[in-house]
Amino acid sequence: MKMASIALATLALLGSGAAQAQSQGVSKTEVTIGTIQDLSGPIAAFGKQSRNGMQLRVDEINEQGGIAGRKIKLIVEDAGYDPKRAVLAAQKLVNQDKIFLMAGHIGTAHNNAAMPVQFEKNVINFLPITAAREMYEPFHKLKYSFAATYYDQIRMVLPKLVKDKGAKKVCTMYQDDEFGLEVLRGAEAGLKTLNMELGEKTSYKRGATDFSSQVARMKAGGCDLVVLGTIIRETIGAIGEARKTGFNPTFLGSSASYTDLIHKLGGKPMDGLYATHTAQHPYLDEASQPLRFWANKYKTKFNEDPTVFSVYGYLIIDTFARAASKAGANLNTETFIKAMDTMVIEPDMFGSPQSTFTATKRLGNDLSRMSQIQDGRWKVVSDYVKP
């Protein structure tokens, strides 16, 4: 009888532990979420903008009473765009801060490194700021992704651009990691539909600042269209070096290079660059009244104009709040997943297309479009292209 009582007590404790693990980061008054950004490394501008966008939406929600009576607590960690530091940050957030989910973690290699830490503790990887396929493939119940993949972005727009420009030799310069390889693979797949192959393929290590040898190689190879698997300074560095040497192919980047920082920092030489994207950069003199109102609120809070990465951060928290509200008072990992798997998010003031999630569909949107830098600002030059 005594042994049976001990066994029952042990089972009760185990059950209690499982319940607590499932609802880690959720109390009666608060839900704790974490994010890992680059606040000190090569894409710190993106990381700070994403963090600000997230914080703006968190503050709005908390000012309105929170979600089912719970305020959102956002904990931000800096990984400096280093996957090893991302693992350490994830360990802190998951094991010490006891976050409910990881929201908007930036970087492909960084998410791939951190996800095992999260999944071991049943922590969702929610709408990371990277468009790599690994963010939803292979399927895992704790993965949700929002952005059309780098692979599909390039695969879909490259064939049309090749035809429009009459390009004869397509080459690529890409970051030597999972992000750059996704752009490379998308280019290869797109060219295959034209019975073409990439000419020169040249890479660089994450954090590199000199691209003269890569540009010289592509110039010598006679490349007339270059697909860039680059982010901020690599995009500016490669194009700037090319212009300086009289090498002027058509340049095409992914959504990782769709940022106002390219033309702000790179100046006139950046004119002509194409890039794929979903949400549009919010130029305030072209914006609708609701968007201007939002941008003014952002600028008042952070003393700078918002960017497309501010938009990403804002929308990630907004989507979290919608799903958490749908999950209701009994918020835990399972109820949140059930809510997410029925979410339909309509097009918004930022130009995003509709996003849908189901129990088997963990990529919200597979549509992308293309813009070009003309006279120092991005101009949309194509509608959404469906894979």
Protein backbone atom coordinates (compact mmCIF):
# COMPACT_ATOMS: atom_id res chain seq x y z
CA MET A 1 0.00 0.00 0.00
CA LYS A 2 2.84 2.33 0.97
CA MET A 3 4.73 1.49 -2.26
CA ALA A 4 1.61 2.21 -4.31
CA SER A 5 1.25 5.60 -2.60
CA ILE A 6 4.89 6.42 -3.32
CA ALA A 7 4.42 5.38 -6.95
CA LEU A 8 1.32 7.56 -7.29
CA ALA A 9 3.11 10.51 -5.69
CA THR A 10 6.06 10.03 -8.04
CA LEU A 11 3.75 9.95 -11.08
CA ALA A 12 2.02 13.10 -9.84
CA LEU A 13 5.37 14.87 -9.52
CA LEU A 14 6.42 13.74 -12.99
CA GLY A 15 3.11 14.91 -14.40
CA SER A 16 3.48 18.25 -12.64
CA GLY A 17 7.00 18.63 -14.04
CA ALA A 18 5.79 17.93 -17.57
CA ALA A 19 3.01 20.48 -17.22
CA GLN A 20 5.44 23.08 -15.94
CA ALA A 21 7.86 22.35 -18.80
CA GLN A 22 5.07 22.69 -21.32
CA SER A 23 4.03 26.10 -19.99
CA GLN A 24 7.53 27.42 -19.24
CA GLY A 25 7.55 31.22 -19.39
CA VAL A 26 3.85 31.64 -18.66
CA SER A 27 2.49 32.90 -15.34
CA LYS A 28 -0.87 34.38 -14.40
CA THR A 29 0.38 37.89 -15.10
CA GLU A 30 3.20 37.51 -17.62
CA VAL A 31 4.44 35.65 -20.69
CA THR A 32 8.20 35.75 -21.26
CA ILE A 33 9.59 35.56 -24.78
CA GLY A 34 13.17 35.81 -25.95
CA THR A 35 14.96 37.01 -29.05
CA ILE A 36 18.58 36.78 -30.22
CA GLN A 37 19.78 39.66 -32.37
CA ASP A 38 23.05 41.03 -33.70
CA LEU A 39 23.56 44.21 -31.70
CA SER A 40 27.34 44.44 -32.03
CA GLY A 41 28.42 42.57 -35.18
CA PRO A 42 28.33 43.05 -38.96
CA ILE A 43 24.52 43.25 -39.22
CA ALA A 44 23.95 45.16 -35.97
CA ALA A 45 21.84 47.71 -37.86
CA PHE A 46 19.36 44.96 -38.74
CA GLY A 47 19.40 43.57 -35.22
CA LYS A 48 18.71 46.92 -33.58
CA GLN A 49 15.90 47.72 -36.01
CA SER A 50 14.29 44.30 -35.48
CA ARG A 51 14.56 44.67 -31.70
CA ASN A 52 12.99 48.14 -31.83
CA GLY A 53 10.10 46.93 -33.97
CA MET A 54 9.47 44.10 -31.54
CA GLN A 55 9.65 46.39 -28.53
CA LEU A 56 7.21 48.87 -30.06
CA ARG A 57 4.55 46.18 -30.51
CA VAL A 58 5.23 44.71 -27.04
CA ASP A 59 4.74 48.15 -25.47
CA GLU A 60 1.51 48.72 -27.41
CA ILE A 61 0.09 45.39 -26.29
CA ASN A 62 1.10 45.92 -22.66
CA GLU A 63 -0.40 49.42 -22.64
CA GLN A 64 -3.69 47.84 -23.77
CA GLY A 65 -3.68 45.34 -20.89
CA GLY A 66 -1.65 42.51 -22.38
CA ILE A 67 -2.95 39.17 -23.66
CA ALA A 68 -5.64 37.50 -21.56
CA GLY A 69 -4.41 39.63 -18.65
CA ARG A 70 -0.74 38.75 -19.19
CA LYS A 71 1.88 41.37 -20.00
CA ILE A 72 4.62 40.42 -22.46
CA LYS A 73 8.18 40.41 -21.16
CA LEU A 74 10.72 40.55 -24.00
CA ILE A 75 14.31 39.52 -23.20
CA VAL A 76 16.90 40.43 -25.84
CA GLU A 77 20.31 38.76 -26.19
CA ASP A 78 23.17 39.86 -28.47
CA ALA A 79 24.97 37.13 -30.43
CA GLY A 80 27.12 39.48 -32.53
CA TYR A 81 26.24 37.42 -35.62
CA ASP A 82 28.25 34.49 -34.25
CA PRO A 83 26.55 31.05 -34.19
CA LYS A 84 28.59 29.97 -31.14
CA ARG A 85 27.38 33.00 -29.21
CA ALA A 86 23.85 32.27 -30.44
CA VAL A 87 24.02 28.86 -28.75
CA LEU A 88 25.13 30.45 -25.47
CA ALA A 89 22.37 33.05 -25.74
CA ALA A 90 19.80 30.35 -26.41
CA GLN A 91 21.00 28.36 -23.39
CA LYS A 92 20.60 31.43 -21.18
CA LEU A 93 17.16 32.31 -22.50
CA VAL A 94 15.82 28.76 -22.38
CA ASN A 95 17.37 27.47 -19.18
CA GLN A 96 17.87 30.58 -17.05
CA ASP A 97 15.22 33.05 -18.23
CA LYS A 98 12.73 30.22 -18.93
CA ILE A 99 11.30 31.80 -22.08
CA PHE A 100 8.02 30.56 -23.53
CA LEU A 101 9.26 30.87 -27.12
CA MET A 102 12.09 32.31 -29.22
CA ALA A 103 10.81 35.10 -31.47
CA GLY A 104 12.52 36.65 -34.48
CA HIS A 105 16.01 35.21 -33.93
CA ILE A 106 18.17 36.72 -36.72
CA GLY A 107 20.50 34.70 -38.95
CA THR A 108 20.43 31.32 -40.69
CA ALA A 109 23.47 29.60 -39.19
CA HIS A 110 22.55 31.08 -35.82
CA ASN A 111 19.05 29.60 -35.80
CA ASN A 112 20.35 26.23 -36.96
CA ALA A 113 22.82 26.25 -34.06
CA ALA A 114 20.29 27.37 -31.43
CA MET A 115 17.22 25.33 -32.35
CA PRO A 116 18.41 22.05 -30.74
CA VAL A 117 18.83 23.89 -27.41
CA GLN A 118 15.26 25.15 -27.66
CA PHE A 119 13.64 21.97 -28.88
CA GLU A 120 15.11 19.96 -26.01
CA LYS A 121 12.99 22.13 -23.68
CA ASN A 122 9.90 22.31 -25.92
CA VAL A 123 10.53 25.97 -26.84
CA ILE A 124 9.10 27.11 -30.19
CA ASN A 125 11.31 28.77 -32.80
CA PHE A 126 8.89 31.48 -33.88
CA LEU A 127 9.21 33.43 -37.15
CA PRO A 128 13.02 33.77 -37.26
CA ILE A 129 14.44 36.63 -39.32
CA THR A 130 15.97 34.49 -42.02
CA ALA A 131 14.43 33.06 -45.17
CA ALA A 132 16.27 29.74 -45.13
CA ARG A 133 14.31 26.56 -45.78
CA GLU A 134 15.69 25.00 -42.59
CA MET A 135 13.38 27.31 -40.64
CA TYR A 136 10.46 25.03 -41.56
CA GLU A 137 12.10 21.98 -43.15
CA PRO A 138 12.35 19.24 -42.15
CA PHE A 139 9.00 19.51 -40.41
CA HIS A 140 9.11 20.00 -36.66
CA LYS A 141 6.10 20.94 -34.56
CA LEU A 142 8.13 23.73 -32.90
CA LYS A 143 9.12 25.48 -36.17
CA TYR A 144 7.24 28.45 -37.71
CA SER A 145 8.63 30.62 -40.50
CA PHE A 146 7.18 33.73 -42.17
CA ALA A 147 9.36 34.67 -45.15
CA ALA A 148 9.46 33.33 -48.68
CA THR A 149 12.74 31.42 -48.79
CA TYR A 150 15.95 32.79 -50.25
CA TYR A 151 15.89 29.73 -52.50
CA ASP A 152 12.42 30.49 -53.89
CA GLN A 153 13.03 34.25 -54.05
CA ILE A 154 16.00 33.84 -56.40
CA ARG A 155 14.66 30.77 -58.21
CA MET A 156 11.51 32.62 -59.23
CA VAL A 157 12.82 36.06 -60.26
CA LEU A 158 16.17 35.16 -61.83
CA PRO A 159 14.88 33.58 -65.08
CA LYS A 160 12.78 36.66 -65.90
CA LEU A 161 15.66 39.02 -65.13
CA VAL A 162 18.02 36.96 -67.32
CA LYS A 163 15.57 37.21 -70.22
CA ASP A 164 14.85 40.91 -69.66
CA LYS A 165 18.55 41.77 -69.56
CA GLY A 166 19.63 39.33 -72.27
CA ALA A 167 22.24 37.96 -69.86
CA LYS A 168 24.63 35.39 -71.30
CA LYS A 169 26.80 34.54 -68.27
CA VAL A 170 25.28 34.48 -64.79
CA CYS A 171 27.68 34.31 -61.83
CA THR A 172 27.38 34.48 -58.07
CA MET A 173 29.19 35.84 -55.04
CA TYR A 174 27.90 34.42 -51.79
CA GLN A 175 28.56 34.19 -48.06
CA ASP A 176 30.16 30.83 -47.27
CA ASP A 177 27.47 29.55 -44.91
CA GLU A 178 23.90 28.22 -44.96
CA PHE A 179 22.49 31.62 -45.96
CA GLY A 180 24.78 32.09 -48.95
CA LEU A 181 24.34 28.50 -50.07
CA GLU A 182 20.55 28.92 -50.17
CA VAL A 183 20.96 31.88 -52.54
CA LEU A 184 23.40 29.85 -54.64
CA ARG A 185 21.00 26.89 -54.85
CA GLY A 186 18.11 29.17 -55.78
CA ALA A 187 20.19 30.62 -58.62
CA GLU A 188 21.13 27.16 -59.87
CA ALA A 189 17.48 26.03 -59.81
CA GLY A 190 16.28 29.17 -61.61
CA LEU A 191 18.90 28.87 -64.35
CA LYS A 192 18.08 25.19 -64.84
CA THR A 193 14.68 26.24 -66.23
CA LEU A 194 16.59 28.14 -68.95
CA ASN A 195 19.05 25.27 -69.57
CA MET A 196 21.80 27.48 -68.16
CA GLU A 197 24.39 27.01 -65.43
CA LEU A 198 26.23 29.44 -63.19
CA GLY A 199 29.54 30.65 -64.55
CA GLU A 200 31.88 31.92 -61.86
CA LYS A 201 31.01 30.96 -58.28
CA THR A 202 32.99 32.89 -55.68
CA SER A 203 32.47 33.03 -51.93
CA TYR A 204 33.67 34.95 -48.87
CA LYS A 205 33.83 34.21 -45.15
CA ARG A 206 31.28 35.77 -42.80
CA GLY A 207 32.65 39.11 -41.58
CA ALA A 208 34.92 39.72 -44.60
CA THR A 209 35.48 43.34 -45.71
CA ASP A 210 37.66 43.03 -48.85
CA PHE A 211 36.01 41.70 -52.00
CA SER A 212 38.53 42.78 -54.63
CA SER A 213 39.62 39.24 -55.55
CA GLN A 214 36.03 38.02 -55.93
CA VAL A 215 35.10 41.00 -58.12
CA ALA A 216 38.25 40.64 -60.22
CA ARG A 217 37.43 36.98 -60.82
CA MET A 218 33.87 37.74 -61.96
CA LYS A 219 35.07 40.59 -64.18
CA ALA A 220 37.71 38.40 -65.80
CA GLY A 221 35.07 35.71 -66.31
CA GLY A 222 32.86 38.06 -68.33
CA CYS A 223 29.88 37.84 -65.97
CA ASP A 224 27.00 40.07 -67.10
CA LEU A 225 24.57 39.22 -64.25
CA VAL A 226 25.69 38.58 -60.67
CA VAL A 227 23.51 36.98 -58.00
CA LEU A 228 24.58 38.26 -54.57
CA GLY A 229 24.27 36.05 -51.50
CA THR A 230 25.31 39.08 -49.44
CA ILE A 231 23.92 41.27 -46.66
CA ILE A 232 24.84 44.93 -45.96
CA ARG A 233 28.53 45.72 -46.17
CA GLU A 234 29.27 42.84 -48.54
CA THR A 235 26.65 44.12 -50.98
CA ILE A 236 28.02 47.65 -50.78
CA GLY A 237 31.63 46.44 -50.89
CA ALA A 238 31.16 44.18 -53.91
CA ILE A 239 29.16 46.68 -55.98
CA GLY A 240 31.42 49.57 -54.99
CA GLU A 241 34.53 47.61 -56.02
CA ALA A 242 32.87 46.59 -59.29
CA ARG A 243 31.92 50.18 -60.20
CA LYS A 244 35.45 51.34 -59.34
CA THR A 245 36.98 48.87 -61.77
CA GLY A 246 34.50 49.54 -64.57
CA PHE A 247 32.68 46.24 -64.07
CA ASN A 248 28.94 46.92 -64.39
CA PRO A 249 26.87 43.73 -64.58
CA THR A 250 23.25 43.50 -63.43
CA PHE A 251 23.29 42.78 -59.67
CA LEU A 252 20.50 40.79 -57.97
CA GLY A 253 20.30 40.28 -54.21
CA SER A 254 17.86 38.54 -51.88
CA SER A 255 15.71 40.04 -49.12
CA ALA A 256 18.85 40.04 -46.96
CA SER A 257 20.13 42.97 -49.03
CA TYR A 258 16.76 44.72 -49.30
CA THR A 259 17.45 47.55 -46.87
CA ASP A 260 17.68 51.32 -47.07
CA LEU A 261 21.18 51.03 -45.61
CA ILE A 262 22.46 49.90 -49.01
CA HIS A 263 21.74 53.22 -50.71
CA LYS A 264 22.25 55.31 -47.56
CA LEU A 265 25.75 53.95 -46.95
CA GLY A 266 26.73 52.99 -50.49
CA GLY A 267 25.48 56.10 -52.28
CA LYS A 268 25.08 56.54 -56.03
CA PRO A 269 27.05 53.41 -57.05
CA MET A 270 24.24 51.29 -55.57
CA ASP A 271 21.73 52.53 -58.18
CA GLY A 272 20.59 49.65 -60.37
CA LEU A 273 20.76 46.91 -57.74
CA TYR A 274 17.76 44.57 -57.75
CA ALA A 275 16.60 42.69 -54.64
CA THR A 276 13.74 40.40 -53.72
CA HIS A 277 11.47 41.08 -50.74
CA THR A 278 7.97 40.82 -49.23
CA ALA A 279 7.14 43.76 -46.94
CA GLN A 280 8.18 47.10 -48.39
CA HIS A 281 10.60 49.64 -46.92
CA PRO A 282 8.47 52.44 -45.39
CA TYR A 283 9.53 55.64 -47.15
CA LEU A 284 7.43 58.14 -45.25
CA ASP A 285 6.82 60.55 -48.11
CA GLU A 286 5.22 57.70 -50.07
CA ALA A 287 3.41 56.06 -47.16
CA SER A 288 -0.31 55.83 -46.43
CA GLN A 289 -1.72 57.76 -43.49
CA PRO A 290 -1.88 54.68 -41.19
CA LEU A 291 1.74 53.85 -42.02
CA ARG A 292 2.87 57.43 -41.40
CA PHE A 293 1.09 57.35 -38.03
CA TRP A 294 2.90 54.11 -37.16
CA ALA A 295 6.26 55.47 -38.35
CA ASN A 296 5.87 58.66 -36.31
CA LYS A 297 5.15 56.58 -33.20
CA TYR A 298 8.30 54.54 -33.92
CA LYS A 299 10.42 57.65 -34.49
CA THR A 300 9.14 59.30 -31.30
CA LYS A 301 10.15 56.23 -29.30
CA PHE A 302 13.54 55.46 -30.90
CA ASN A 303 14.56 58.79 -32.44
CA GLU A 304 15.09 57.27 -35.90
CA ASP A 305 13.00 56.37 -38.93
CA PRO A 306 11.76 52.78 -39.15
CA THR A 307 13.05 50.35 -41.76
CA VAL A 308 11.82 47.10 -43.25
CA PHE A 309 13.58 45.25 -40.41
CA SER A 310 11.62 47.34 -37.91
CA VAL A 311 8.54 46.12 -39.76
CA TYR A 312 9.66 42.48 -39.47
CA GLY A 313 10.11 42.81 -35.71
CA TYR A 314 6.76 44.54 -35.26
CA LEU A 315 4.87 41.95 -37.30
CA ILE A 316 6.52 39.00 -35.54
CA ILE A 317 5.24 40.19 -32.15
CA ASP A 318 1.87 41.07 -33.66
CA THR A 319 1.49 37.52 -35.00
CA PHE A 320 2.55 36.07 -31.66
CA ALA A 321 -0.08 38.19 -29.90
CA ARG A 322 -2.82 37.08 -32.29
CA ALA A 323 -2.05 33.41 -31.73
CA ALA A 324 -1.61 33.81 -27.96
CA SER A 325 -4.96 35.62 -27.78
CA LYS A 326 -6.56 32.78 -29.73
CA ALA A 327 -5.03 30.26 -27.32
CA GLY A 328 -6.77 32.15 -24.51
CA ALA A 329 -6.26 32.03 -20.76
CA ASN A 330 -4.90 28.46 -20.90
CA LEU A 331 -1.76 29.46 -22.78
CA ASN A 332 0.86 26.75 -23.12
CA THR A 333 2.94 25.28 -25.92
CA GLU A 334 0.22 22.93 -27.15
CA THR A 335 -2.62 25.47 -27.10
CA PHE A 336 -0.38 28.01 -28.85
CA ILE A 337 0.50 25.49 -31.58
CA LYS A 338 -3.20 24.66 -32.08
CA ALA A 339 -3.96 28.37 -32.43
CA MET A 340 -1.06 28.98 -34.86
CA ASP A 341 -2.15 26.05 -37.00
CA THR A 342 -5.41 27.84 -37.82
CA MET A 343 -3.98 31.34 -38.35
CA VAL A 344 -4.80 33.39 -41.44
CA ILE A 345 -3.11 36.80 -41.47
CA GLU A 346 -4.43 39.18 -44.09
CA PRO A 347 -2.28 41.63 -46.12
CA ASP A 348 -1.20 44.61 -44.02
CA MET A 349 -0.28 48.28 -44.42
CA PHE A 350 3.36 47.28 -44.95
CA GLY A 351 2.59 45.46 -48.20
CA SER A 352 2.95 41.92 -46.87
CA PRO A 353 0.91 39.25 -48.67
CA GLN A 354 -1.52 36.95 -46.87
CA SER A 355 0.06 34.40 -44.54
CA THR A 356 -1.51 31.09 -43.51
CA PHE A 357 -0.35 28.34 -41.19
CA THR A 358 -1.67 24.80 -40.71
CA ALA A 359 -0.64 21.64 -38.88
CA THR A 360 1.36 20.65 -41.97
CA LYS A 361 2.24 24.10 -43.41
CA ARG A 362 4.77 25.98 -41.28
CA LEU A 363 5.86 28.57 -43.86
CA GLY A 364 3.35 31.42 -43.71
CA ASN A 365 4.09 32.87 -47.14
CA ASP A 366 5.97 31.72 -50.25
CA LEU A 367 5.47 34.89 -52.31
CA SER A 368 8.14 37.48 -53.08
CA ARG A 369 8.54 40.44 -55.43
CA MET A 370 11.40 42.55 -56.71
CA SER A 371 12.55 46.14 -56.24
CA GLN A 372 15.41 48.13 -57.74
CA ILE A 373 17.39 51.05 -56.34
CA GLN A 374 16.57 54.01 -58.57
CA ASP A 375 17.88 57.48 -57.72
CA GLY A 376 18.80 56.45 -54.21
CA ARG A 377 15.67 54.59 -53.09
CA TRP A 378 13.98 51.26 -53.60
CA LYS A 379 11.24 51.14 -56.23
CA VAL A 380 8.98 48.09 -56.63
CA VAL A 381 9.43 46.72 -60.17
CA SER A 382 7.47 43.44 -60.03
CA ASP A 383 4.35 42.06 -58.43
CA TYR A 384 4.42 39.01 -56.17
CA VAL A 385 5.67 35.91 -57.99
CA LYS A 386 4.34 32.55 -56.82
CA PRO A 387 6.60 29.48 -56.90
